Protein backbone atom coordinates (compact mmCIF):
# COMPACT_ATOMS: atom_id res chain seq x y z
CA UNK A 1 0.00 0.00 0.00
CA UNK A 2 2.83 2.38 0.90
CA UNK A 3 4.49 1.54 -2.40
CA UNK A 4 1.31 2.35 -4.37
CA UNK A 5 0.93 5.73 -2.68
CA UNK A 6 4.56 6.63 -3.41
CA UNK A 7 4.14 5.56 -7.04
CA UNK A 8 1.00 7.68 -7.40
CA UNK A 9 2.80 10.71 -5.93
CA UNK A 10 5.80 10.24 -8.23
CA UNK A 11 3.57 9.91 -11.31
CA UNK A 12 1.52 12.95 -10.26
CA UNK A 13 4.66 15.04 -9.80
CA UNK A 14 5.99 13.96 -13.19
CA UNK A 15 2.74 15.00 -14.86
CA UNK A 16 2.76 18.37 -13.07
CA UNK A 17 6.38 19.02 -14.04
CA UNK A 18 5.73 18.03 -17.66
CA UNK A 19 2.68 20.27 -17.86
CA UNK A 20 4.57 23.22 -16.44
CA UNK A 21 7.53 22.73 -18.75
CA UNK A 22 5.63 23.04 -22.03
CA UNK A 23 6.01 26.31 -23.88
CA UNK A 24 3.26 28.38 -25.44
CA UNK A 25 2.61 27.58 -29.10
CA UNK A 26 3.76 31.04 -30.16
CA UNK A 27 7.19 30.37 -28.71
CA UNK A 28 7.50 27.13 -30.69
CA UNK A 29 6.36 28.89 -33.86
CA UNK A 30 8.92 31.68 -33.42
CA UNK A 31 11.72 29.15 -32.87
CA UNK A 32 10.69 27.09 -35.89
CA UNK A 33 10.41 30.16 -38.14
CA UNK A 34 13.86 31.26 -37.05
CA UNK A 35 15.27 27.83 -37.97
CA UNK A 36 13.58 28.04 -41.38
CA UNK A 37 15.14 31.46 -41.95
CA UNK A 38 18.52 29.96 -41.04
CA UNK A 39 17.80 27.06 -43.45
CA UNK A 40 17.94 24.55 -40.57
CA UNK A 41 14.92 22.71 -41.93
CA UNK A 42 15.44 19.47 -39.98
CA UNK A 43 15.52 21.42 -36.74
CA UNK A 44 12.42 23.38 -37.76
CA UNK A 45 10.60 20.09 -38.42
CA UNK A 46 11.53 18.85 -34.94
CA UNK A 47 10.25 22.05 -33.33
CA UNK A 48 6.99 22.00 -35.30
CA UNK A 49 6.59 18.31 -34.45
CA UNK A 50 7.06 19.06 -30.76
CA UNK A 51 4.54 21.90 -30.98
CA UNK A 52 2.01 19.54 -32.59
CA UNK A 53 2.64 16.95 -29.90
CA UNK A 54 2.53 19.29 -26.91
CA UNK A 55 -0.49 21.23 -28.21
CA UNK A 56 -2.21 18.23 -29.81
CA UNK A 57 -5.76 18.83 -31.00
CA UNK A 58 -5.33 22.58 -31.30
CA UNK A 59 -5.34 24.94 -34.29
CA UNK A 60 -1.64 25.50 -33.60
CA UNK A 61 -1.00 21.77 -33.96
CA UNK A 62 -2.72 21.50 -37.36
CA UNK A 63 -0.87 24.60 -38.57
CA UNK A 64 2.45 23.12 -37.40
CA UNK A 65 1.74 19.83 -39.20
CA UNK A 66 0.99 21.77 -42.39
CA UNK A 67 4.30 23.62 -42.09
CA UNK A 68 6.12 20.29 -41.76
CA UNK A 69 4.28 18.89 -44.79
CA UNK A 70 5.25 21.94 -46.84
CA UNK A 71 8.92 21.62 -45.85
CA UNK A 72 8.98 17.98 -46.94
CA UNK A 73 6.94 18.71 -50.07
CA UNK A 74 9.45 21.40 -51.02
CA UNK A 75 12.27 18.85 -50.56
CA UNK A 76 14.03 21.16 -48.10
CA UNK A 77 14.88 18.63 -45.41
CA UNK A 78 18.47 17.45 -45.80
CA UNK A 79 19.51 13.84 -46.30
CA UNK A 80 16.23 12.72 -47.87
CA UNK A 81 15.83 11.68 -51.45
CA UNK A 82 12.96 13.18 -53.41
CA UNK A 83 10.59 10.21 -53.12
CA UNK A 84 11.13 9.86 -49.36
CA UNK A 85 10.54 13.56 -48.90
CA UNK A 86 7.27 13.35 -50.85
CA UNK A 87 6.16 10.31 -48.84
CA UNK A 88 6.82 12.18 -45.60
CA UNK A 89 4.90 15.20 -46.91
CA UNK A 90 2.01 12.93 -47.79
CA UNK A 91 1.99 11.38 -44.31
CA UNK A 92 1.71 14.82 -42.70
CA UNK A 93 -1.00 15.98 -45.12
CA UNK A 94 -2.84 12.74 -44.38
CA UNK A 95 -2.52 13.24 -40.63
CA UNK A 96 -4.08 16.69 -40.96
CA UNK A 97 -7.11 15.64 -42.97
CA UNK A 98 -7.68 12.54 -40.82
CA UNK A 99 -7.04 13.93 -37.34
CA UNK A 100 -7.95 17.59 -37.85
CA UNK A 101 -10.92 17.24 -40.19
CA UNK A 102 -12.59 20.42 -38.99
CA UNK A 103 -9.49 22.58 -39.18
CA UNK A 104 -8.94 25.29 -41.75
CA UNK A 105 -5.91 23.30 -42.94
CA UNK A 106 -7.81 20.07 -43.70
CA UNK A 107 -9.12 20.94 -47.21
CA UNK A 108 -5.71 22.11 -48.42
CA UNK A 109 -4.03 19.06 -46.85
CA UNK A 110 -6.44 16.65 -48.56
CA UNK A 111 -6.02 18.36 -51.93
CA UNK A 112 -2.23 18.35 -51.60
CA UNK A 113 -2.21 14.68 -50.54
CA UNK A 114 -4.13 13.83 -53.72
CA UNK A 115 -1.82 16.02 -55.80
CA UNK A 116 1.27 14.30 -54.40
CA UNK A 117 -0.14 10.85 -55.08
CA UNK A 118 -1.06 11.74 -58.65
CA UNK A 119 1.87 13.90 -59.68
CA UNK A 120 4.88 13.00 -57.57
CA UNK A 121 4.37 9.50 -56.17
CA UNK A 122 2.88 8.03 -59.37
CA UNK A 123 -0.14 6.52 -57.67
CA UNK A 124 -3.08 7.62 -59.83
CA UNK A 125 -5.66 5.32 -58.22
CA UNK A 126 -4.96 6.72 -54.75
CA UNK A 127 -5.02 10.23 -56.21
CA UNK A 128 -8.44 9.61 -57.76
CA UNK A 129 -9.78 8.31 -54.47
CA UNK A 130 -8.50 11.37 -52.62
CA UNK A 131 -9.73 13.88 -55.21
CA UNK A 132 -13.20 12.28 -55.06
CA UNK A 133 -13.11 12.49 -51.27
CA UNK A 134 -12.08 16.14 -51.51
CA UNK A 135 -14.95 16.97 -53.88
CA UNK A 136 -17.41 15.11 -51.64
CA UNK A 137 -16.21 16.68 -48.37
CA UNK A 138 -15.58 20.22 -49.62
CA UNK A 139 -18.06 20.86 -52.48
CA UNK A 140 -17.99 24.61 -51.83
CA UNK A 141 -14.23 24.95 -51.75
CA UNK A 142 -12.61 27.35 -54.16
CA UNK A 143 -10.31 24.45 -55.11
CA UNK A 144 -13.11 22.07 -56.15
CA UNK A 145 -12.77 22.96 -59.86
CA UNK A 146 -9.05 22.28 -59.67
CA UNK A 147 -9.77 18.94 -58.00
CA UNK A 148 -12.23 18.05 -60.79
CA UNK A 149 -9.68 18.99 -63.45
CA UNK A 150 -6.95 16.99 -61.70
CA UNK A 151 -9.33 14.04 -61.41
CA UNK A 152 -10.02 14.12 -65.17
CA UNK A 153 -6.31 14.23 -65.99
CA UNK A 154 -4.70 12.12 -63.28
CA UNK A 155 -2.35 9.54 -64.75
CA UNK A 156 -2.10 11.26 -68.12
CA UNK A 157 1.14 12.63 -69.53
CA UNK A 158 1.31 16.35 -70.36
CA UNK A 159 1.15 15.41 -74.04
CA UNK A 160 -2.01 13.36 -73.50
CA UNK A 161 -3.62 16.22 -71.59
CA UNK A 162 -2.79 18.69 -74.39
CA UNK A 163 -4.04 16.30 -77.05
CA UNK A 164 -7.26 15.70 -75.08
CA UNK A 165 -7.90 19.44 -74.87
CA UNK A 166 -7.35 20.31 -78.53
CA UNK A 167 -10.36 21.46 -80.57
CA UNK A 168 -10.21 18.29 -82.69
CA UNK A 169 -10.41 16.03 -79.63
CA UNK A 170 -13.41 17.90 -78.26
CA UNK A 171 -15.54 17.32 -81.41
């Protein structure tokens, strides 16, 4: 019994200390932005990731996840080949639209996840599925026409798209 009480006190103290040691989201954002300015993209990713973890479920968390996705999508994180960088970007976009469905970032994340699958990761079937989901979930989005156009052309080469859109092809 004594042991259980001591364990409970130790766990309680650890939780209190951890809660007190977390920084405000704005402080994380400022640190991450500074690292981006210094071109320390890996460090910025770590800071944004920590922000998303510490402030999980918040608007700040979804914004931080989007910043990470954009850094990977832009292939700015050192020591990653292009495909790995795109896959990481996709995983962060996916996390946003799955875990933060009601956030302002969710529509953009879903669209960009579809775009990556169709244009960078050469997975047209997954892209089609995601574009259809986007159109269904966000029918009033200003990007819905772009999603429809991407859906019509996913998997086609630029030459095929041009040929499809010539006056002769439309007759």
